[in-house]
Amino acid sequence: TGHPIVPLVNLLKEACIKNYGEYVHWGATTQDIMDTGNILQVKKAKN
């Protein structure tokens, strides 16, 4: 798909119990997840 978040979402879905994996990426866009990850990396690098 070209989106770097897809493998992570798939791993998280597999780790969920029952059918809760359906909701791993629900309500958030790929860009939302990427932006959050980038900010967390910047925060970690700053400290």
PDB file of N, CA and C in Angstrom:
ATOM      1  N   THR A   1       0.811  -1.209   0.000  1.00  0.00           N
ATOM      2  CA  THR A   1       0.000   0.000   0.000  1.00  0.00           C
ATOM      3  C   THR A   1       0.848   1.264   0.000  1.00  0.00           C
ATOM      4  N   GLY A   2       2.099   1.158   0.388  1.00  0.00           N
ATOM      5  CA  GLY A   2       2.954   2.323   0.423  1.00  0.00           C
ATOM      6  C   GLY A   2       2.880   3.109   1.719  1.00  0.00           C
ATOM      7  N   HIS A   3       1.996   2.728   2.615  1.00  0.00           N
ATOM      8  CA  HIS A   3       1.884   3.413   3.897  1.00  0.00           C
ATOM      9  C   HIS A   3       2.724   2.676   4.933  1.00  0.00           C
ATOM     10  N   PRO A   4       3.649   3.379   5.602  1.00  0.00           N
ATOM     11  CA  PRO A   4       4.532   2.710   6.559  1.00  0.00           C
ATOM     12  C   PRO A   4       3.825   2.226   7.814  1.00  0.00           C
ATOM     13  N   ILE A   5       2.601   2.634   8.031  1.00  0.00           N
ATOM     14  CA  ILE A   5       1.883   2.275   9.258  1.00  0.00           C
ATOM     15  C   ILE A   5       1.171   0.920   9.141  1.00  0.00           C
ATOM     16  N   VAL A   6       0.973   0.443   7.933  1.00  0.00           N
ATOM     17  CA  VAL A   6       0.201  -0.788   7.714  1.00  0.00           C
ATOM     18  C   VAL A   6       0.782  -1.994   8.454  1.00  0.00           C
ATOM     19  N   PRO A   7       2.089  -2.259   8.387  1.00  0.00           N
ATOM     20  CA  PRO A   7       2.612  -3.413   9.132  1.00  0.00           C
ATOM     21  C   PRO A   7       2.387  -3.302  10.640  1.00  0.00           C
ATOM     22  N   LEU A   8       2.519  -2.098  11.187  1.00  0.00           N
ATOM     23  CA  LEU A   8       2.277  -1.899  12.617  1.00  0.00           C
ATOM     24  C   LEU A   8       0.822  -2.177  12.965  1.00  0.00           C
ATOM     25  N   VAL A   9      -0.091  -1.665  12.173  1.00  0.00           N
ATOM     26  CA  VAL A   9      -1.519  -1.893  12.418  1.00  0.00           C
ATOM     27  C   VAL A   9      -1.830  -3.381  12.367  1.00  0.00           C
ATOM     28  N   ASN A  10      -1.257  -4.084  11.405  1.00  0.00           N
ATOM     29  CA  ASN A  10      -1.497  -5.525  11.297  1.00  0.00           C
ATOM     30  C   ASN A  10      -0.988  -6.279  12.526  1.00  0.00           C
ATOM     31  N   LEU A  11       0.192  -5.901  13.022  1.00  0.00           N
ATOM     32  CA  LEU A  11       0.729  -6.542  14.230  1.00  0.00           C
ATOM     33  C   LEU A  11      -0.156  -6.270  15.441  1.00  0.00           C
ATOM     34  N   LEU A  12      -0.617  -5.042  15.572  1.00  0.00           N
ATOM     35  CA  LEU A  12      -1.489  -4.702  16.697  1.00  0.00           C
ATOM     36  C   LEU A  12      -2.813  -5.458  16.620  1.00  0.00           C
ATOM     37  N   LYS A  13      -3.357  -5.592  15.413  1.00  0.00           N
ATOM     38  CA  LYS A  13      -4.606  -6.339  15.239  1.00  0.00           C
ATOM     39  C   LYS A  13      -4.442  -7.788  15.681  1.00  0.00           C
ATOM     40  N   GLU A  14      -3.317  -8.395  15.305  1.00  0.00           N
ATOM     41  CA  GLU A  14      -3.062  -9.791  15.666  1.00  0.00           C
ATOM     42  C   GLU A  14      -2.899  -9.959  17.177  1.00  0.00           C
ATOM     43  N   ALA A  15      -2.400  -8.936  17.845  1.00  0.00           N
ATOM     44  CA  ALA A  15      -2.156  -9.015  19.288  1.00  0.00           C
ATOM     45  C   ALA A  15      -3.428  -8.834  20.117  1.00  0.00           C
ATOM     46  N   CYS A  16      -4.479  -8.348  19.497  1.00  0.00           N
ATOM     47  CA  CYS A  16      -5.726  -8.083  20.221  1.00  0.00           C
ATOM     48  C   CYS A  16      -6.526  -9.362  20.440  1.00  0.00           C
ATOM     49  N   ILE A  17      -7.234  -9.390  21.551  1.00  0.00           N
ATOM     50  CA  ILE A  17      -8.113 -10.523  21.824  1.00  0.00           C
ATOM     51  C   ILE A  17      -9.449 -10.322  21.119  1.00  0.00           C
ATOM     52  N   LYS A  18     -10.152 -11.408  20.946  1.00  0.00           N
ATOM     53  CA  LYS A  18     -11.468 -11.426  20.294  1.00  0.00           C
ATOM     54  C   LYS A  18     -11.393 -10.680  18.973  1.00  0.00           C
ATOM     55  N   ASN A  19     -12.365  -9.825  18.709  1.00  0.00           N
ATOM     56  CA  ASN A  19     -12.360  -9.081  17.448  1.00  0.00           C
ATOM     57  C   ASN A  19     -12.012  -7.610  17.668  1.00  0.00           C
ATOM     58  N   TYR A  20     -11.342  -7.298  18.775  1.00  0.00           N
ATOM     59  CA  TYR A  20     -11.013  -5.910  19.088  1.00  0.00           C
ATOM     60  C   TYR A  20     -10.009  -5.317  18.107  1.00  0.00           C
ATOM     61  N   GLY A  21      -9.304  -6.147  17.399  1.00  0.00           N
ATOM     62  CA  GLY A  21      -8.347  -5.667  16.414  1.00  0.00           C
ATOM     63  C   GLY A  21      -8.975  -4.841  15.308  1.00  0.00           C
ATOM     64  N   GLU A  22     -10.273  -5.019  15.101  1.00  0.00           N
ATOM     65  CA  GLU A  22     -10.974  -4.235  14.081  1.00  0.00           C
ATOM     66  C   GLU A  22     -10.896  -2.738  14.366  1.00  0.00           C
ATOM     67  N   TYR A  23     -10.682  -2.382  15.610  1.00  0.00           N
ATOM     68  CA  TYR A  23     -10.751  -0.984  16.021  1.00  0.00           C
ATOM     69  C   TYR A  23      -9.387  -0.324  16.197  1.00  0.00           C
ATOM     70  N   VAL A  24      -8.318  -1.018  15.857  1.00  0.00           N
ATOM     71  CA  VAL A  24      -6.968  -0.480  16.047  1.00  0.00           C
ATOM     72  C   VAL A  24      -6.780   0.839  15.295  1.00  0.00           C
ATOM     73  N   HIS A  25      -7.241   0.927  14.078  1.00  0.00           N
ATOM     74  CA  HIS A  25      -7.020   2.113  13.239  1.00  0.00           C
ATOM     75  C   HIS A  25      -8.325   2.880  13.039  1.00  0.00           C
ATOM     76  N   TRP A  26      -9.329   2.579  13.817  1.00  0.00           N
ATOM     77  CA  TRP A  26     -10.649   3.185  13.653  1.00  0.00           C
ATOM     78  C   TRP A  26     -10.652   4.606  14.197  1.00  0.00           C
ATOM     79  N   GLY A  27     -11.066   5.551  13.397  1.00  0.00           N
ATOM     80  CA  GLY A  27     -11.191   6.932  13.846  1.00  0.00           C
ATOM     81  C   GLY A  27      -9.933   7.767  13.705  1.00  0.00           C
ATOM     82  N   ALA A  28      -8.829   7.159  13.375  1.00  0.00           N
ATOM     83  CA  ALA A  28      -7.579   7.906  13.195  1.00  0.00           C
ATOM     84  C   ALA A  28      -7.059   7.662  11.784  1.00  0.00           C
ATOM     85  N   THR A  29      -6.598   8.724  11.169  1.00  0.00           N
ATOM     86  CA  THR A  29      -6.014   8.561   9.838  1.00  0.00           C
ATOM     87  C   THR A  29      -4.557   8.125   9.977  1.00  0.00           C
ATOM     88  N   THR A  30      -4.011   7.613   8.907  1.00  0.00           N
ATOM     89  CA  THR A  30      -2.599   7.245   8.907  1.00  0.00           C
ATOM     90  C   THR A  30      -1.749   8.467   9.236  1.00  0.00           C
ATOM     91  N   GLN A  31      -2.133   9.614   8.708  1.00  0.00           N
ATOM     92  CA  GLN A  31      -1.377  10.841   8.982  1.00  0.00           C
ATOM     93  C   GLN A  31      -1.429  11.203  10.461  1.00  0.00           C
ATOM     94  N   ASP A  32      -2.578  10.997  11.116  1.00  0.00           N
ATOM     95  CA  ASP A  32      -2.677  11.244  12.565  1.00  0.00           C
ATOM     96  C   ASP A  32      -1.660  10.392  13.323  1.00  0.00           C
ATOM     97  N   ILE A  33      -1.581   9.129  12.971  1.00  0.00           N
ATOM     98  CA  ILE A  33      -0.675   8.202  13.651  1.00  0.00           C
ATOM     99  C   ILE A  33       0.781   8.573  13.372  1.00  0.00           C
ATOM    100  N   MET A  34       1.086   8.910  12.129  1.00  0.00           N
ATOM    101  CA  MET A  34       2.454   9.294  11.768  1.00  0.00           C
ATOM    102  C   MET A  34       2.868  10.580  12.491  1.00  0.00           C
ATOM    103  N   ASP A  35       1.975  11.565  12.553  1.00  0.00           N
ATOM    104  CA  ASP A  35       2.289  12.821  13.235  1.00  0.00           C
ATOM    105  C   ASP A  35       2.566  12.590  14.715  1.00  0.00           C
ATOM    106  N   THR A  36       1.747  11.761  15.351  1.00  0.00           N
ATOM    107  CA  THR A  36       1.943  11.458  16.767  1.00  0.00           C
ATOM    108  C   THR A  36       3.281  10.762  16.986  1.00  0.00           C
ATOM    109  N   GLY A  37       3.595   9.799  16.131  1.00  0.00           N
ATOM    110  CA  GLY A  37       4.872   9.097  16.237  1.00  0.00           C
ATOM    111  C   GLY A  37       6.058  10.030  16.062  1.00  0.00           C
ATOM    112  N   ASN A  38       5.952  10.950  15.113  1.00  0.00           N
ATOM    113  CA  ASN A  38       7.037  11.909  14.889  1.00  0.00           C
ATOM    114  C   ASN A  38       7.247  12.810  16.105  1.00  0.00           C
ATOM    115  N   ILE A  39       6.170  13.293  16.687  1.00  0.00           N
ATOM    116  CA  ILE A  39       6.277  14.153  17.868  1.00  0.00           C
ATOM    117  C   ILE A  39       6.899  13.388  19.034  1.00  0.00           C
ATOM    118  N   LEU A  40       6.508  12.131  19.211  1.00  0.00           N
ATOM    119  CA  LEU A  40       7.085  11.325  20.292  1.00  0.00           C
ATOM    120  C   LEU A  40       8.587  11.124  20.085  1.00  0.00           C
ATOM    121  N   GLN A  41       9.008  10.954  18.840  1.00  0.00           N
ATOM    122  CA  GLN A  41      10.437  10.814  18.549  1.00  0.00           C
ATOM    123  C   GLN A  41      11.193  12.109  18.844  1.00  0.00           C
ATOM    124  N   VAL A  42      10.606  13.242  18.479  1.00  0.00           N
ATOM    125  CA  VAL A  42      11.234  14.535  18.753  1.00  0.00           C
ATOM    126  C   VAL A  42      11.350  14.750  20.256  1.00  0.00           C
ATOM    127  N   LYS A  43      10.289  14.425  20.973  1.00  0.00           N
ATOM    128  CA  LYS A  43      10.293  14.586  22.429  1.00  0.00           C
ATOM    129  C   LYS A  43      11.386  13.721  23.065  1.00  0.00           C
ATOM    130  N   LYS A  44      11.505  12.481  22.595  1.00  0.00           N
ATOM    131  CA  LYS A  44      12.517  11.576  23.144  1.00  0.00           C
ATOM    132  C   LYS A  44      13.927  12.080  22.824  1.00  0.00           C
ATOM    133  N   ALA A  45      14.133  12.590  21.628  1.00  0.00           N
ATOM    134  CA  ALA A  45      15.449  13.089  21.225  1.00  0.00           C
ATOM    135  C   ALA A  45      15.834  14.338  22.013  1.00  0.00           C
ATOM    136  N   LYS A  46      14.848  15.108  22.394  1.00  0.00           N
ATOM    137  CA  LYS A  46      15.087  16.350  23.135  1.00  0.00           C
ATOM    138  C   LYS A  46      15.597  16.065  24.542  1.00  0.00           C
ATOM    139  N   ASN A  47      15.136  14.974  25.132  1.00  0.00           N
ATOM    140  CA  ASN A  47      15.504  14.662  26.522  1.00  0.00           C
ATOM    141  C   ASN A  47      16.784  13.945  26.582  1.00  0.00           C
TER     142      ASN A  47
END
